Amino acid sequence: MHYLPRREFIIQGGAALVALTSFQSRIAYAFPTRAGEEVIKWLDQLPPNPVPEVIKNQLVWEDLDSWVTPNDKFFSIAHFNRPVIDETTWKLEIGGSVKKPTALTLADIRAR
């Protein structure tokens, strides 16, 4: 029986794998080369927003140019109706196990 060390097996196996993939390159199938051929769309690309009432501002990753999502491109998904909020009467109440319970209006939050 022939002894093949693990390191040699990995090197030879890697070389064999490279040789096999170079003969059957999938990149060649992505670009049409003959007249009449067409490129088939990738199956993992999602269709446009199917339900605009539920998914507001569907995020397109390719449009982002920063790790921080700007407010105008922020997206949200709701399973129920979105509440109608009056900005003048809305407030955030902080209570419970806190030292100083407080209530902040939207103007207070925006001013900070």
PDB file of N, CA and C in Angstrom:
ATOM      1  N   MET A   1       0.841  -1.176   0.000  1.00  0.00           N
ATOM      2  CA  MET A   1       0.000   0.000   0.000  1.00  0.00           C
ATOM      3  C   MET A   1       0.889   1.243   0.000  1.00  0.00           C
ATOM      4  N   HIS A   2       0.497   2.223  -0.783  1.00  0.00           N
ATOM      5  CA  HIS A   2       1.277   3.447  -0.928  1.00  0.00           C
ATOM      6  C   HIS A   2       0.940   4.409   0.211  1.00  0.00           C
ATOM      7  N   TYR A   3       1.966   4.958   0.861  1.00  0.00           N
ATOM      8  CA  TYR A   3       1.777   5.900   1.962  1.00  0.00           C
ATOM      9  C   TYR A   3       1.729   7.315   1.396  1.00  0.00           C
ATOM     10  N   LEU A   4       0.679   8.068   1.707  1.00  0.00           N
ATOM     11  CA  LEU A   4       0.524   9.438   1.232  1.00  0.00           C
ATOM     12  C   LEU A   4       0.293  10.347   2.441  1.00  0.00           C
ATOM     13  N   PRO A   5       1.308  11.151   2.799  1.00  0.00           N
ATOM     14  CA  PRO A   5       1.130  12.049   3.948  1.00  0.00           C
ATOM     15  C   PRO A   5      -0.015  13.039   3.714  1.00  0.00           C
ATOM     16  N   ARG A   6      -0.583  13.510   4.804  1.00  0.00           N
ATOM     17  CA  ARG A   6      -1.727  14.414   4.724  1.00  0.00           C
ATOM     18  C   ARG A   6      -1.397  15.677   3.933  1.00  0.00           C
ATOM     19  N   ARG A   7      -0.225  16.252   4.146  1.00  0.00           N
ATOM     20  CA  ARG A   7       0.167  17.474   3.447  1.00  0.00           C
ATOM     21  C   ARG A   7       0.238  17.239   1.939  1.00  0.00           C
ATOM     22  N   GLU A   8       0.811  16.127   1.533  1.00  0.00           N
ATOM     23  CA  GLU A   8       0.885  15.798   0.099  1.00  0.00           C
ATOM     24  C   GLU A   8      -0.510  15.569  -0.480  1.00  0.00           C
ATOM     25  N   PHE A   9      -1.371  14.928   0.309  1.00  0.00           N
ATOM     26  CA  PHE A   9      -2.737  14.680  -0.148  1.00  0.00           C
ATOM     27  C   PHE A   9      -3.464  16.003  -0.408  1.00  0.00           C
ATOM     28  N   ILE A  10      -3.299  16.965   0.508  1.00  0.00           N
ATOM     29  CA  ILE A  10      -3.960  18.264   0.343  1.00  0.00           C
ATOM     30  C   ILE A  10      -3.406  18.996  -0.877  1.00  0.00           C
ATOM     31  N   ILE A  11      -2.094  18.968  -1.065  1.00  0.00           N
ATOM     32  CA  ILE A  11      -1.484  19.651  -2.217  1.00  0.00           C
ATOM     33  C   ILE A  11      -1.942  19.011  -3.523  1.00  0.00           C
ATOM     34  N   GLN A  12      -1.874  17.691  -3.602  1.00  0.00           N
ATOM     35  CA  GLN A  12      -2.268  17.000  -4.835  1.00  0.00           C
ATOM     36  C   GLN A  12      -3.773  17.111  -5.078  1.00  0.00           C
ATOM     37  N   GLY A  13      -4.558  17.038  -4.003  1.00  0.00           N
ATOM     38  CA  GLY A  13      -6.005  17.181  -4.151  1.00  0.00           C
ATOM     39  C   GLY A  13      -6.381  18.574  -4.617  1.00  0.00           C
ATOM     40  N   GLY A  14      -5.697  19.587  -4.078  1.00  0.00           N
ATOM     41  CA  GLY A  14      -5.954  20.960  -4.510  1.00  0.00           C
ATOM     42  C   GLY A  14      -5.598  21.166  -5.966  1.00  0.00           C
ATOM     43  N   ALA A  15      -4.470  20.600  -6.389  1.00  0.00           N
ATOM     44  CA  ALA A  15      -4.062  20.719  -7.793  1.00  0.00           C
ATOM     45  C   ALA A  15      -5.072  20.024  -8.701  1.00  0.00           C
ATOM     46  N   ALA A  16      -5.559  18.874  -8.281  1.00  0.00           N
ATOM     47  CA  ALA A  16      -6.553  18.154  -9.083  1.00  0.00           C
ATOM     48  C   ALA A  16      -7.861  18.945  -9.161  1.00  0.00           C
ATOM     49  N   LEU A  17      -8.235  19.563  -8.056  1.00  0.00           N
ATOM     50  CA  LEU A  17      -9.460  20.357  -8.044  1.00  0.00           C
ATOM     51  C   LEU A  17      -9.354  21.565  -8.968  1.00  0.00           C
ATOM     52  N   VAL A  18      -8.211  22.234  -8.960  1.00  0.00           N
ATOM     53  CA  VAL A  18      -7.991  23.372  -9.859  1.00  0.00           C
ATOM     54  C   VAL A  18      -8.058  22.915 -11.310  1.00  0.00           C
ATOM     55  N   ALA A  19      -7.462  21.778 -11.608  1.00  0.00           N
ATOM     56  CA  ALA A  19      -7.479  21.261 -12.979  1.00  0.00           C
ATOM     57  C   ALA A  19      -8.908  20.955 -13.428  1.00  0.00           C
ATOM     58  N   LEU A  20      -9.695  20.342 -12.554  1.00  0.00           N
ATOM     59  CA  LEU A  20     -11.074  20.012 -12.916  1.00  0.00           C
ATOM     60  C   LEU A  20     -11.929  21.264 -13.121  1.00  0.00           C
ATOM     61  N   THR A  21     -11.766  22.248 -12.263  1.00  0.00           N
ATOM     62  CA  THR A  21     -12.591  23.448 -12.402  1.00  0.00           C
ATOM     63  C   THR A  21     -12.185  24.302 -13.589  1.00  0.00           C
ATOM     64  N   SER A  22     -10.940  24.219 -13.999  1.00  0.00           N
ATOM     65  CA  SER A  22     -10.536  25.016 -15.160  1.00  0.00           C
ATOM     66  C   SER A  22     -11.150  24.472 -16.446  1.00  0.00           C
ATOM     67  N   PHE A  23     -11.464  23.180 -16.467  1.00  0.00           N
ATOM     68  CA  PHE A  23     -12.090  22.610 -17.657  1.00  0.00           C
ATOM     69  C   PHE A  23     -13.578  22.938 -17.723  1.00  0.00           C
ATOM     70  N   GLN A  24     -14.222  23.005 -16.592  1.00  0.00           N
ATOM     71  CA  GLN A  24     -15.658  23.271 -16.556  1.00  0.00           C
ATOM     72  C   GLN A  24     -15.929  24.583 -15.828  1.00  0.00           C
ATOM     73  N   SER A  25     -15.433  25.673 -16.351  1.00  0.00           N
ATOM     74  CA  SER A  25     -15.584  26.972 -15.702  1.00  0.00           C
ATOM     75  C   SER A  25     -17.016  27.473 -15.839  1.00  0.00           C
ATOM     76  N   ARG A  26     -17.637  27.776 -14.707  1.00  0.00           N
ATOM     77  CA  ARG A  26     -19.003  28.305 -14.725  1.00  0.00           C
ATOM     78  C   ARG A  26     -19.040  29.749 -15.203  1.00  0.00           C
ATOM     79  N   ILE A  27     -17.918  30.440 -15.131  1.00  0.00           N
ATOM     80  CA  ILE A  27     -17.885  31.828 -15.602  1.00  0.00           C
ATOM     81  C   ILE A  27     -18.187  31.883 -17.094  1.00  0.00           C
ATOM     82  N   ALA A  28     -17.767  30.868 -17.814  1.00  0.00           N
ATOM     83  CA  ALA A  28     -18.002  30.842 -19.254  1.00  0.00           C
ATOM     84  C   ALA A  28     -19.493  30.799 -19.578  1.00  0.00           C
ATOM     85  N   TYR A  29     -20.299  30.239 -18.676  1.00  0.00           N
ATOM     86  CA  TYR A  29     -21.732  30.151 -18.934  1.00  0.00           C
ATOM     87  C   TYR A  29     -22.460  31.459 -18.629  1.00  0.00           C
ATOM     88  N   ALA A  30     -21.833  32.388 -17.944  1.00  0.00           N
ATOM     89  CA  ALA A  30     -22.489  33.634 -17.556  1.00  0.00           C
ATOM     90  C   ALA A  30     -22.534  34.656 -18.681  1.00  0.00           C
ATOM     91  N   PHE A  31     -21.672  34.520 -19.663  1.00  0.00           N
ATOM     92  CA  PHE A  31     -21.599  35.496 -20.743  1.00  0.00           C
ATOM     93  C   PHE A  31     -21.897  34.810 -22.077  1.00  0.00           C
ATOM     94  N   PRO A  32     -22.902  35.289 -22.810  1.00  0.00           N
ATOM     95  CA  PRO A  32     -23.201  34.665 -24.099  1.00  0.00           C
ATOM     96  C   PRO A  32     -22.071  34.917 -25.094  1.00  0.00           C
ATOM     97  N   THR A  33     -21.708  33.894 -25.834  1.00  0.00           N
ATOM     98  CA  THR A  33     -20.614  34.033 -26.795  1.00  0.00           C
ATOM     99  C   THR A  33     -21.075  33.853 -28.230  1.00  0.00           C
ATOM    100  N   ARG A  34     -22.200  33.200 -28.419  1.00  0.00           N
ATOM    101  CA  ARG A  34     -22.684  32.963 -29.777  1.00  0.00           C
ATOM    102  C   ARG A  34     -23.943  33.774 -30.041  1.00  0.00           C
ATOM    103  N   ALA A  35     -24.196  34.064 -31.288  1.00  0.00           N
ATOM    104  CA  ALA A  35     -25.396  34.815 -31.662  1.00  0.00           C
ATOM    105  C   ALA A  35     -26.637  34.037 -31.247  1.00  0.00           C
ATOM    106  N   GLY A  36     -27.605  34.736 -30.678  1.00  0.00           N
ATOM    107  CA  GLY A  36     -28.849  34.090 -30.270  1.00  0.00           C
ATOM    108  C   GLY A  36     -28.849  33.622 -28.825  1.00  0.00           C
ATOM    109  N   GLU A  37     -27.694  33.606 -28.169  1.00  0.00           N
ATOM    110  CA  GLU A  37     -27.653  33.192 -26.769  1.00  0.00           C
ATOM    111  C   GLU A  37     -28.075  34.350 -25.878  1.00  0.00           C
ATOM    112  N   GLU A  38     -28.633  34.037 -24.734  1.00  0.00           N
ATOM    113  CA  GLU A  38     -29.008  35.071 -23.782  1.00  0.00           C
ATOM    114  C   GLU A  38     -28.570  34.661 -22.381  1.00  0.00           C
ATOM    115  N   VAL A  39     -28.352  35.672 -21.557  1.00  0.00           N
ATOM    116  CA  VAL A  39     -27.939  35.426 -20.180  1.00  0.00           C
ATOM    117  C   VAL A  39     -29.174  35.111 -19.349  1.00  0.00           C
ATOM    118  N   ILE A  40     -29.112  34.035 -18.575  1.00  0.00           N
ATOM    119  CA  ILE A  40     -30.220  33.654 -17.703  1.00  0.00           C
ATOM    120  C   ILE A  40     -30.040  34.374 -16.375  1.00  0.00           C
ATOM    121  N   LYS A  41     -31.116  34.992 -15.875  1.00  0.00           N
ATOM    122  CA  LYS A  41     -31.039  35.722 -14.614  1.00  0.00           C
ATOM    123  C   LYS A  41     -30.741  34.763 -13.467  1.00  0.00           C
ATOM    124  N   TRP A  42     -30.041  35.290 -12.456  1.00  0.00           N
ATOM    125  CA  TRP A  42     -29.760  34.501 -11.258  1.00  0.00           C
ATOM    126  C   TRP A  42     -31.060  34.245 -10.523  1.00  0.00           C
ATOM    127  N   LEU A  43     -31.185  33.078  -9.935  1.00  0.00           N
ATOM    128  CA  LEU A  43     -32.416  32.709  -9.255  1.00  0.00           C
ATOM    129  C   LEU A  43     -32.548  33.351  -7.878  1.00  0.00           C
ATOM    130  N   ASP A  44     -31.445  33.841  -7.308  1.00  0.00           N
ATOM    131  CA  ASP A  44     -31.515  34.403  -5.964  1.00  0.00           C
ATOM    132  C   ASP A  44     -31.832  35.894  -5.953  1.00  0.00           C
ATOM    133  N   GLN A  45     -32.076  36.506  -7.105  1.00  0.00           N
ATOM    134  CA  GLN A  45     -32.423  37.923  -7.152  1.00  0.00           C
ATOM    135  C   GLN A  45     -33.912  38.080  -6.863  1.00  0.00           C
ATOM    136  N   LEU A  46     -34.223  38.877  -5.862  1.00  0.00           N
ATOM    137  CA  LEU A  46     -35.614  39.065  -5.474  1.00  0.00           C
ATOM    138  C   LEU A  46     -36.348  39.955  -6.472  1.00  0.00           C
ATOM    139  N   PRO A  47     -37.642  39.712  -6.648  1.00  0.00           N
ATOM    140  CA  PRO A  47     -38.430  40.590  -7.519  1.00  0.00           C
ATOM    141  C   PRO A  47     -38.629  41.937  -6.831  1.00  0.00           C
ATOM    142  N   PRO A  48     -39.156  42.929  -7.555  1.00  0.00           N
ATOM    143  CA  PRO A  48     -39.449  44.215  -6.917  1.00  0.00           C
ATOM    144  C   PRO A  48     -40.400  44.026  -5.733  1.00  0.00           C
ATOM    145  N   ASN A  49     -40.544  45.054  -4.944  1.00  0.00           N
ATOM    146  CA  ASN A  49     -41.354  45.015  -3.730  1.00  0.00           C
ATOM    147  C   ASN A  49     -42.745  44.455  -4.029  1.00  0.00           C
ATOM    148  N   PRO A  50     -43.078  43.262  -3.500  1.00  0.00           N
ATOM    149  CA  PRO A  50     -44.366  42.648  -3.833  1.00  0.00           C
ATOM    150  C   PRO A  50     -45.556  43.319  -3.154  1.00  0.00           C
ATOM    151  N   VAL A  51     -45.375  43.852  -1.951  1.00  0.00           N
ATOM    152  CA  VAL A  51     -46.475  44.449  -1.206  1.00  0.00           C
ATOM    153  C   VAL A  51     -46.023  45.806  -0.665  1.00  0.00           C
ATOM    154  N   PRO A  52     -46.164  46.888  -1.455  1.00  0.00           N
ATOM    155  CA  PRO A  52     -45.669  48.188  -1.002  1.00  0.00           C
ATOM    156  C   PRO A  52     -46.363  48.722   0.250  1.00  0.00           C
ATOM    157  N   GLU A  53     -47.592  48.247   0.548  1.00  0.00           N
ATOM    158  CA  GLU A  53     -48.279  48.721   1.750  1.00  0.00           C
ATOM    159  C   GLU A  53     -47.615  48.182   3.012  1.00  0.00           C
ATOM    160  N   VAL A  54     -46.985  47.026   2.917  1.00  0.00           N
ATOM    161  CA  VAL A  54     -46.375  46.379   4.081  1.00  0.00           C
ATOM    162  C   VAL A  54     -44.902  46.739   4.203  1.00  0.00           C
ATOM    163  N   ILE A  55     -44.178  46.698   3.101  1.00  0.00           N
ATOM    164  CA  ILE A  55     -42.741  46.971   3.121  1.00  0.00           C
ATOM    165  C   ILE A  55     -42.523  48.388   2.613  1.00  0.00           C
ATOM    166  N   LYS A  56     -42.225  49.288   3.515  1.00  0.00           N
ATOM    167  CA  LYS A  56     -41.975  50.689   3.149  1.00  0.00           C
ATOM    168  C   LYS A  56     -40.488  50.860   2.871  1.00  0.00           C
ATOM    169  N   ASN A  57     -40.158  51.540   1.800  1.00  0.00           N
ATOM    170  CA  ASN A  57     -38.760  51.826   1.437  1.00  0.00           C
ATOM    171  C   ASN A  57     -37.909  50.559   1.419  1.00  0.00           C
ATOM    172  N   GLN A  58     -38.287  49.610   0.573  1.00  0.00           N
ATOM    173  CA  GLN A  58     -37.511  48.372   0.510  1.00  0.00           C
ATOM    174  C   GLN A  58     -36.053  48.696   0.204  1.00  0.00           C
ATOM    175  N   LEU A  59     -35.165  48.164   1.003  1.00  0.00           N
ATOM    176  CA  LEU A  59     -33.746  48.486   0.917  1.00  0.00           C
ATOM    177  C   LEU A  59     -33.088  47.753  -0.247  1.00  0.00           C
ATOM    178  N   VAL A  60     -32.367  48.493  -1.068  1.00  0.00           N
ATOM    179  CA  VAL A  60     -31.562  47.920  -2.144  1.00  0.00           C
ATOM    180  C   VAL A  60     -30.110  48.063  -1.704  1.00  0.00           C
ATOM    181  N   TRP A  61     -29.464  46.943  -1.377  1.00  0.00           N
ATOM    182  CA  TRP A  61     -28.115  46.968  -0.803  1.00  0.00           C
ATOM    183  C   TRP A  61     -27.120  47.670  -1.710  1.00  0.00           C
ATOM    184  N   GLU A  62     -27.296  47.533  -3.011  1.00  0.00           N
ATOM    185  CA  GLU A  62     -26.350  48.127  -3.946  1.00  0.00           C
ATOM    186  C   GLU A  62     -26.393  49.652  -3.920  1.00  0.00           C
ATOM    187  N   ASP A  63     -27.498  50.237  -3.441  1.00  0.00           N
ATOM    188  CA  ASP A  63     -27.619  51.695  -3.394  1.00  0.00           C
ATOM    189  C   ASP A  63     -26.930  52.317  -2.183  1.00  0.00           C
ATOM    190  N   LEU A  64     -26.583  51.502  -1.199  1.00  0.00           N
ATOM    191  CA  LEU A  64     -25.946  52.039   0.007  1.00  0.00           C
ATOM    192  C   LEU A  64     -24.477  52.316  -0.256  1.00  0.00           C
ATOM    193  N   ASP A  65     -24.000  53.442   0.263  1.00  0.00           N
ATOM    194  CA  ASP A  65     -22.585  53.774   0.111  1.00  0.00           C
ATOM    195  C   ASP A  65     -21.911  53.963   1.466  1.00  0.00           C
ATOM    196  N   SER A  66     -22.600  53.576   2.542  1.00  0.00           N
ATOM    197  CA  SER A  66     -22.057  53.729   3.886  1.00  0.00           C
ATOM    198  C   SER A  66     -22.581  52.591   4.755  1.00  0.00           C
ATOM    199  N   TRP A  67     -21.897  52.340   5.873  1.00  0.00           N
ATOM    200  CA  TRP A  67     -22.355  51.326   6.822  1.00  0.00           C
ATOM    201  C   TRP A  67     -23.536  51.831   7.627  1.00  0.00           C
ATOM    202  N   VAL A  68     -23.746  53.138   7.648  1.00  0.00           N
ATOM    203  CA  VAL A  68     -24.858  53.727   8.387  1.00  0.00           C
ATOM    204  C   VAL A  68     -25.984  54.014   7.401  1.00  0.00           C
ATOM    205  N   THR A  69     -27.170  53.469   7.672  1.00  0.00           N
ATOM    206  CA  THR A  69     -28.310  53.679   6.787  1.00  0.00           C
ATOM    207  C   THR A  69     -28.909  55.055   7.045  1.00  0.00           C
ATOM    208  N   PRO A  70     -28.981  55.917   6.014  1.00  0.00           N
ATOM    209  CA  PRO A  70     -29.586  57.238   6.212  1.00  0.00           C
ATOM    210  C   PRO A  70     -31.086  57.122   6.497  1.00  0.00           C
ATOM    211  N   ASN A  71     -31.643  58.134   7.150  1.00  0.00           N
ATOM    212  CA  ASN A  71     -33.058  58.096   7.534  1.00  0.00           C
ATOM    213  C   ASN A  71     -33.986  57.947   6.338  1.00  0.00           C
ATOM    214  N   ASP A  72     -33.669  58.593   5.214  1.00  0.00           N
ATOM    215  CA  ASP A  72     -34.572  58.516   4.062  1.00  0.00           C
ATOM    216  C   ASP A  72     -34.541  57.150   3.385  1.00  0.00           C
ATOM    217  N   LYS A  73     -33.515  56.332   3.645  1.00  0.00           N
ATOM    218  CA  LYS A  73     -33.446  54.993   3.058  1.00  0.00           C
ATOM    219  C   LYS A  73     -33.746  53.899   4.074  1.00  0.00           C
ATOM    220  N   PHE A  74     -34.100  54.282   5.303  1.00  0.00           N
ATOM    221  CA  PHE A  74     -34.384  53.301   6.338  1.00  0.00           C
ATOM    222  C   PHE A  74     -35.671  52.569   5.987  1.00  0.00           C
ATOM    223  N   PHE A  75     -35.682  51.282   6.185  1.00  0.00           N
ATOM    224  CA  PHE A  75     -36.834  50.484   5.792  1.00  0.00           C
ATOM    225  C   PHE A  75     -37.522  49.911   7.023  1.00  0.00           C
ATOM    226  N   SER A  76     -38.789  49.575   6.866  1.00  0.00           N
ATOM    227  CA  SER A  76     -39.524  48.928   7.947  1.00  0.00           C
ATOM    228  C   SER A  76     -40.549  47.987   7.341  1.00  0.00           C
ATOM    229  N   ILE A  77     -40.837  46.949   8.092  1.00  0.00           N
ATOM    230  CA  ILE A  77     -41.829  45.968   7.668  1.00  0.00           C
ATOM    231  C   ILE A  77     -42.876  45.886   8.769  1.00  0.00           C
ATOM    232  N   ALA A  78     -44.144  45.982   8.410  1.00  0.00           N
ATOM    233  CA  ALA A  78     -45.225  45.926   9.384  1.00  0.00           C
ATOM    234  C   ALA A  78     -46.205  44.825   8.983  1.00  0.00           C
ATOM    235  N   HIS A  79     -46.615  44.046   9.964  1.00  0.00           N
ATOM    236  CA  HIS A  79     -47.587  42.987   9.699  1.00  0.00           C
ATOM    237  C   HIS A  79     -49.020  43.461   9.928  1.00  0.00           C
ATOM    238  N   PHE A  80     -49.152  44.596  10.599  1.00  0.00           N
ATOM    239  CA  PHE A  80     -50.470  45.151  10.875  1.00  0.00           C
ATOM    240  C   PHE A  80     -50.489  46.600  10.403  1.00  0.00           C
ATOM    241  N   ASN A  81     -51.622  47.252  10.556  1.00  0.00           N
ATOM    242  CA  ASN A  81     -51.728  48.652  10.136  1.00  0.00           C
ATOM    243  C   ASN A  81     -50.755  49.521  10.921  1.00  0.00           C
ATOM    244  N   ARG A  82     -50.248  50.535  10.273  1.00  0.00           N
ATOM    245  CA  ARG A  82     -49.345  51.472  10.946  1.00  0.00           C
ATOM    246  C   ARG A  82     -50.183  52.494  11.713  1.00  0.00           C
ATOM    247  N   PRO A  83     -49.803  52.774  12.955  1.00  0.00           N
ATOM    248  CA  PRO A  83     -50.597  53.738  13.728  1.00  0.00           C
ATOM    249  C   PRO A  83     -50.408  55.156  13.202  1.00  0.00           C
ATOM    250  N   VAL A  84     -51.463  55.937  13.297  1.00  0.00           N
ATOM    251  CA  VAL A  84     -51.390  57.347  12.929  1.00  0.00           C
ATOM    252  C   VAL A  84     -51.004  58.108  14.196  1.00  0.00           C
ATOM    253  N   ILE A  85     -49.895  58.840  14.142  1.00  0.00           N
ATOM    254  CA  ILE A  85     -49.362  59.511  15.327  1.00  0.00           C
ATOM    255  C   ILE A  85     -49.435  61.019  15.133  1.00  0.00           C
ATOM    256  N   ASP A  86     -49.967  61.693  16.132  1.00  0.00           N
ATOM    257  CA  ASP A  86     -49.994  63.155  16.138  1.00  0.00           C
ATOM    258  C   ASP A  86     -48.714  63.631  16.820  1.00  0.00           C
ATOM    259  N   GLU A  87     -47.853  64.301  16.082  1.00  0.00           N
ATOM    260  CA  GLU A  87     -46.550  64.709  16.609  1.00  0.00           C
ATOM    261  C   GLU A  87     -46.664  65.689  17.769  1.00  0.00           C
ATOM    262  N   THR A  88     -47.749  66.450  17.820  1.00  0.00           N
ATOM    263  CA  THR A  88     -47.868  67.456  18.886  1.00  0.00           C
ATOM    264  C   THR A  88     -48.247  66.835  20.226  1.00  0.00           C
ATOM    265  N   THR A  89     -48.957  65.717  20.221  1.00  0.00           N
ATOM    266  CA  THR A  89     -49.388  65.105  21.481  1.00  0.00           C
ATOM    267  C   THR A  89     -48.598  63.855  21.852  1.00  0.00           C
ATOM    268  N   TRP A  90     -47.770  63.352  20.962  1.00  0.00           N
ATOM    269  CA  TRP A  90     -47.018  62.121  21.231  1.00  0.00           C
ATOM    270  C   TRP A  90     -45.945  62.374  22.281  1.00  0.00           C
ATOM    271  N   LYS A  91     -45.751  61.403  23.178  1.00  0.00           N
ATOM    272  CA  LYS A  91     -44.658  61.511  24.140  1.00  0.00           C
ATOM    273  C   LYS A  91     -44.161  60.122  24.518  1.00  0.00           C
ATOM    274  N   LEU A  92     -42.914  60.083  24.915  1.00  0.00           N
ATOM    275  CA  LEU A  92     -42.254  58.852  25.344  1.00  0.00           C
ATOM    276  C   LEU A  92     -42.153  58.892  26.856  1.00  0.00           C
ATOM    277  N   GLU A  93     -42.793  57.926  27.507  1.00  0.00           N
ATOM    278  CA  GLU A  93     -42.755  57.878  28.966  1.00  0.00           C
ATOM    279  C   GLU A  93     -41.743  56.830  29.403  1.00  0.00           C
ATOM    280  N   ILE A  94     -40.827  57.236  30.266  1.00  0.00           N
ATOM    281  CA  ILE A  94     -39.803  56.338  30.797  1.00  0.00           C
ATOM    282  C   ILE A  94     -40.122  56.141  32.268  1.00  0.00           C
ATOM    283  N   GLY A  95     -40.442  54.917  32.639  1.00  0.00           N
ATOM    284  CA  GLY A  95     -40.835  54.636  34.015  1.00  0.00           C
ATOM    285  C   GLY A  95     -40.425  53.229  34.409  1.00  0.00           C
ATOM    286  N   GLY A  96     -40.927  52.799  35.539  1.00  0.00           N
ATOM    287  CA  GLY A  96     -40.584  51.462  36.010  1.00  0.00           C
ATOM    288  C   GLY A  96     -39.415  51.520  36.975  1.00  0.00           C
ATOM    289  N   SER A  97     -38.445  50.658  36.795  1.00  0.00           N
ATOM    290  CA  SER A  97     -37.293  50.576  37.701  1.00  0.00           C
ATOM    291  C   SER A  97     -36.217  51.583  37.327  1.00  0.00           C
ATOM    292  N   VAL A  98     -36.582  52.837  37.281  1.00  0.00           N
ATOM    293  CA  VAL A  98     -35.619  53.906  37.009  1.00  0.00           C
ATOM    294  C   VAL A  98     -35.640  54.877  38.185  1.00  0.00           C
ATOM    295  N   LYS A  99     -34.546  55.590  38.382  1.00  0.00           N
ATOM    296  CA  LYS A  99     -34.467  56.534  39.502  1.00  0.00           C
ATOM    297  C   LYS A  99     -35.388  57.728  39.299  1.00  0.00           C
ATOM    298  N   LYS A 100     -35.472  58.187  38.047  1.00  0.00           N
ATOM    299  CA  LYS A 100     -36.230  59.413  37.778  1.00  0.00           C
ATOM    300  C   LYS A 100     -37.164  59.184  36.585  1.00  0.00           C
ATOM    301  N   PRO A 101     -38.419  58.787  36.828  1.00  0.00           N
ATOM    302  CA  PRO A 101     -39.357  58.636  35.713  1.00  0.00           C
ATOM    303  C   PRO A 101     -39.565  59.979  35.013  1.00  0.00           C
ATOM    304  N   THR A 102     -39.675  59.922  33.704  1.00  0.00           N
ATOM    305  CA  THR A 102     -39.829  61.163  32.940  1.00  0.00           C
ATOM    306  C   THR A 102     -40.657  60.910  31.688  1.00  0.00           C
ATOM    307  N   ALA A 103     -41.108  61.978  31.087  1.00  0.00           N
ATOM    308  CA  ALA A 103     -41.843  61.912  29.823  1.00  0.00           C
ATOM    309  C   ALA A 103     -41.227  62.930  28.875  1.00  0.00           C
ATOM    310  N   LEU A 104     -40.943  62.494  27.669  1.00  0.00           N
ATOM    311  CA  LEU A 104     -40.322  63.362  26.662  1.00  0.00           C
ATOM    312  C   LEU A 104     -41.255  63.502  25.470  1.00  0.00           C
ATOM    313  N   THR A 105     -41.429  64.722  25.007  1.00  0.00           N
ATOM    314  CA  THR A 105     -42.193  64.937  23.783  1.00  0.00           C
ATOM    315  C   THR A 105     -41.260  64.744  22.588  1.00  0.00           C
ATOM    316  N   LEU A 106     -41.836  64.700  21.417  1.00  0.00           N
ATOM    317  CA  LEU A 106     -41.029  64.541  20.212  1.00  0.00           C
ATOM    318  C   LEU A 106     -40.110  65.741  20.017  1.00  0.00           C
ATOM    319  N   ALA A 107     -40.578  66.920  20.391  1.00  0.00           N
ATOM    320  CA  ALA A 107     -39.738  68.124  20.294  1.00  0.00           C
ATOM    321  C   ALA A 107     -38.553  68.034  21.253  1.00  0.00           C
ATOM    322  N   ASP A 108     -38.774  67.476  22.456  1.00  0.00           N
ATOM    323  CA  ASP A 108     -37.673  67.299  23.414  1.00  0.00           C
ATOM    324  C   ASP A 108     -36.610  66.358  22.856  1.00  0.00           C
ATOM    325  N   ILE A 109     -37.051  65.277  22.245  1.00  0.00           N
ATOM    326  CA  ILE A 109     -36.105  64.291  21.700  1.00  0.00           C
ATOM    327  C   ILE A 109     -35.327  64.892  20.540  1.00  0.00           C
ATOM    328  N   ARG A 110     -36.008  65.613  19.673  1.00  0.00           N
ATOM    329  CA  ARG A 110     -35.323  66.221  18.522  1.00  0.00           C
ATOM    330  C   ARG A 110     -34.352  67.314  18.951  1.00  0.00           C
ATOM    331  N   ALA A 111     -34.627  67.970  20.076  1.00  0.00           N
ATOM    332  CA  ALA A 111     -33.760  69.050  20.548  1.00  0.00           C
ATOM    333  C   ALA A 111     -32.458  68.522  21.146  1.00  0.00           C
ATOM    334  N   ARG A 112     -32.429  67.269  21.547  1.00  0.00           N
ATOM    335  CA  ARG A 112     -31.227  66.714  22.188  1.00  0.00           C
ATOM    336  C   ARG A 112     -30.203  66.379  21.193  1.00  0.00           C
TER     337      ARG A 112
END
